[in-house]
């Protein structure tokens, strides 16, 4: 995850608290890690696609792959969201 995000948390992540001033920057969360699962979080669909692509690219470097059959997107407060895709073009549910 560190390689996939590489300092782009504010660009790709989900905003928990907006920025209040220079002294109090925004608080961003990009992922929740479980035993053998990862939940990726973003503010926008385009950011989610960039995050998914970046994670998938870094996974392939070490021999892992995303299982598109088990991977799901959960958009909240978005009407007719565009689907997320893996790097090989598989559309996620």
C-alpha atoms as a PDB file:
ATOM      1  CA  UNK A   1       0.000   0.000   0.000  1.00  0.00           C
ATOM      2  CA  UNK A   2       2.847   2.350   0.773  1.00  0.00           C
ATOM      3  CA  UNK A   3       4.249   1.935  -2.738  1.00  0.00           C
ATOM      4  CA  UNK A   4       0.836   2.357  -4.399  1.00  0.00           C
ATOM      5  CA  UNK A   5      -0.068   5.563  -2.583  1.00  0.00           C
ATOM      6  CA  UNK A   6       3.426   7.062  -2.203  1.00  0.00           C
ATOM      7  CA  UNK A   7       2.505  10.393  -0.621  1.00  0.00           C
ATOM      8  CA  UNK A   8      -0.666  10.962  -2.649  1.00  0.00           C
ATOM      9  CA  UNK A   9      -3.060  10.397   0.267  1.00  0.00           C
ATOM     10  CA  UNK A  10      -4.621  13.853   0.021  1.00  0.00           C
ATOM     11  CA  UNK A  11      -5.209  13.423  -3.726  1.00  0.00           C
ATOM     12  CA  UNK A  12      -6.617   9.881  -3.650  1.00  0.00           C
ATOM     13  CA  UNK A  13      -8.113   9.351  -0.202  1.00  0.00           C
ATOM     14  CA  UNK A  14     -11.381   9.905   1.629  1.00  0.00           C
ATOM     15  CA  UNK A  15     -11.578  13.141   3.637  1.00  0.00           C
ATOM     16  CA  UNK A  16     -12.467  12.522   7.287  1.00  0.00           C
ATOM     17  CA  UNK A  17     -12.041  16.161   8.382  1.00  0.00           C
ATOM     18  CA  UNK A  18     -11.638  19.052   5.910  1.00  0.00           C
ATOM     19  CA  UNK A  19      -8.688  21.400   6.201  1.00  0.00           C
ATOM     20  CA  UNK A  20      -9.327  24.148   8.761  1.00  0.00           C
ATOM     21  CA  UNK A  21      -6.078  26.080   8.369  1.00  0.00           C
ATOM     22  CA  UNK A  22      -2.391  25.559   7.666  1.00  0.00           C
ATOM     23  CA  UNK A  23      -2.027  24.497  11.255  1.00  0.00           C
ATOM     24  CA  UNK A  24      -4.844  21.938  10.981  1.00  0.00           C
ATOM     25  CA  UNK A  25      -4.547  20.084   7.655  1.00  0.00           C
ATOM     26  CA  UNK A  26      -7.299  17.816   6.416  1.00  0.00           C
ATOM     27  CA  UNK A  27      -7.415  14.268   7.707  1.00  0.00           C
ATOM     28  CA  UNK A  28      -7.524  11.658   4.937  1.00  0.00           C
ATOM     29  CA  UNK A  29      -8.011   7.890   4.979  1.00  0.00           C
ATOM     30  CA  UNK A  30      -7.059   5.814   1.918  1.00  0.00           C
ATOM     31  CA  UNK A  31      -7.469   2.218   3.040  1.00  0.00           C
ATOM     32  CA  UNK A  32      -8.679  -0.122   5.755  1.00  0.00           C
ATOM     33  CA  UNK A  33      -6.653  -3.311   6.041  1.00  0.00           C
ATOM     34  CA  UNK A  34      -8.094  -6.546   7.378  1.00  0.00           C
ATOM     35  CA  UNK A  35      -6.616 -10.055   7.692  1.00  0.00           C
ATOM     36  CA  UNK A  36      -6.510 -10.780   3.953  1.00  0.00           C
ATOM     37  CA  UNK A  37      -8.702  -7.992   2.594  1.00  0.00           C
ATOM     38  CA  UNK A  38      -8.250  -4.314   1.785  1.00  0.00           C
ATOM     39  CA  UNK A  39     -10.919  -1.667   1.576  1.00  0.00           C
ATOM     40  CA  UNK A  40      -9.928   1.331  -0.584  1.00  0.00           C
ATOM     41  CA  UNK A  41     -11.581   4.688   0.185  1.00  0.00           C
ATOM     42  CA  UNK A  42     -11.874   7.796  -2.014  1.00  0.00           C
ATOM     43  CA  UNK A  43     -13.929  10.974  -2.228  1.00  0.00           C
ATOM     44  CA  UNK A  44     -14.688  10.587  -5.953  1.00  0.00           C
ATOM     45  CA  UNK A  45     -15.083   7.760  -8.480  1.00  0.00           C
ATOM     46  CA  UNK A  46     -12.157   9.026 -10.594  1.00  0.00           C
ATOM     47  CA  UNK A  47      -9.925   8.985  -7.513  1.00  0.00           C
ATOM     48  CA  UNK A  48     -11.139   5.474  -6.652  1.00  0.00           C
ATOM     49  CA  UNK A  49     -10.226   4.276 -10.158  1.00  0.00           C
ATOM     50  CA  UNK A  50      -6.746   5.830  -9.894  1.00  0.00           C
ATOM     51  CA  UNK A  51      -6.256   4.234  -6.469  1.00  0.00           C
ATOM     52  CA  UNK A  52      -7.440   0.823  -7.692  1.00  0.00           C
ATOM     53  CA  UNK A  53      -5.155   0.992 -10.740  1.00  0.00           C
ATOM     54  CA  UNK A  54      -2.176   2.024  -8.624  1.00  0.00           C
ATOM     55  CA  UNK A  55      -2.739  -0.755  -6.082  1.00  0.00           C
ATOM     56  CA  UNK A  56      -3.210  -3.306  -8.852  1.00  0.00           C
ATOM     57  CA  UNK A  57       0.018  -2.201 -10.568  1.00  0.00           C
ATOM     58  CA  UNK A  58       2.027  -2.536  -7.343  1.00  0.00           C
ATOM     59  CA  UNK A  59       0.432  -5.918  -6.563  1.00  0.00           C
ATOM     60  CA  UNK A  60       1.490  -7.299  -9.939  1.00  0.00           C
ATOM     61  CA  UNK A  61       5.117  -6.341  -9.221  1.00  0.00           C
ATOM     62  CA  UNK A  62       5.214  -8.824  -6.325  1.00  0.00           C
ATOM     63  CA  UNK A  63       3.078 -11.533  -7.935  1.00  0.00           C
ATOM     64  CA  UNK A  64      -0.358 -10.715  -6.492  1.00  0.00           C
ATOM     65  CA  UNK A  65      -3.533 -10.101  -8.466  1.00  0.00           C
ATOM     66  CA  UNK A  66      -6.921  -8.574  -7.727  1.00  0.00           C
ATOM     67  CA  UNK A  67      -9.769 -11.081  -7.966  1.00  0.00           C
ATOM     68  CA  UNK A  68     -12.353  -9.162 -10.018  1.00  0.00           C
ATOM     69  CA  UNK A  69     -15.083 -11.699  -9.164  1.00  0.00           C
ATOM     70  CA  UNK A  70     -14.750 -10.982  -5.444  1.00  0.00           C
ATOM     71  CA  UNK A  71     -14.003  -7.254  -5.703  1.00  0.00           C
ATOM     72  CA  UNK A  72     -16.936  -4.862  -5.357  1.00  0.00           C
ATOM     73  CA  UNK A  73     -17.421  -1.104  -5.489  1.00  0.00           C
ATOM     74  CA  UNK A  74     -19.758   0.634  -3.051  1.00  0.00           C
ATOM     75  CA  UNK A  75     -20.546   4.196  -4.142  1.00  0.00           C
ATOM     76  CA  UNK A  76     -22.411   6.282  -1.586  1.00  0.00           C
ATOM     77  CA  UNK A  77     -24.565   9.320  -2.448  1.00  0.00           C
ATOM     78  CA  UNK A  78     -23.817   9.033  -6.185  1.00  0.00           C
ATOM     79  CA  UNK A  79     -26.565   8.495  -8.734  1.00  0.00           C
ATOM     80  CA  UNK A  80     -25.609   6.261 -11.681  1.00  0.00           C
ATOM     81  CA  UNK A  81     -21.896   5.976 -10.858  1.00  0.00           C
ATOM     82  CA  UNK A  82     -19.590   4.874 -13.668  1.00  0.00           C
ATOM     83  CA  UNK A  83     -18.266   1.341 -13.065  1.00  0.00           C
ATOM     84  CA  UNK A  84     -14.751   0.682 -11.819  1.00  0.00           C
ATOM     85  CA  UNK A  85     -12.477  -1.441 -14.026  1.00  0.00           C
ATOM     86  CA  UNK A  86      -9.398  -3.541 -13.449  1.00  0.00           C
ATOM     87  CA  UNK A  87      -6.355  -2.968 -15.645  1.00  0.00           C
ATOM     88  CA  UNK A  88      -7.437  -5.738 -18.012  1.00  0.00           C
ATOM     89  CA  UNK A  89     -10.827  -4.066 -18.529  1.00  0.00           C
ATOM     90  CA  UNK A  90     -12.945  -6.284 -16.280  1.00  0.00           C
ATOM     91  CA  UNK A  91     -15.845  -4.298 -14.862  1.00  0.00           C
ATOM     92  CA  UNK A  92     -16.328  -4.566 -11.100  1.00  0.00           C
ATOM     93  CA  UNK A  93     -19.749  -5.127  -9.565  1.00  0.00           C
END
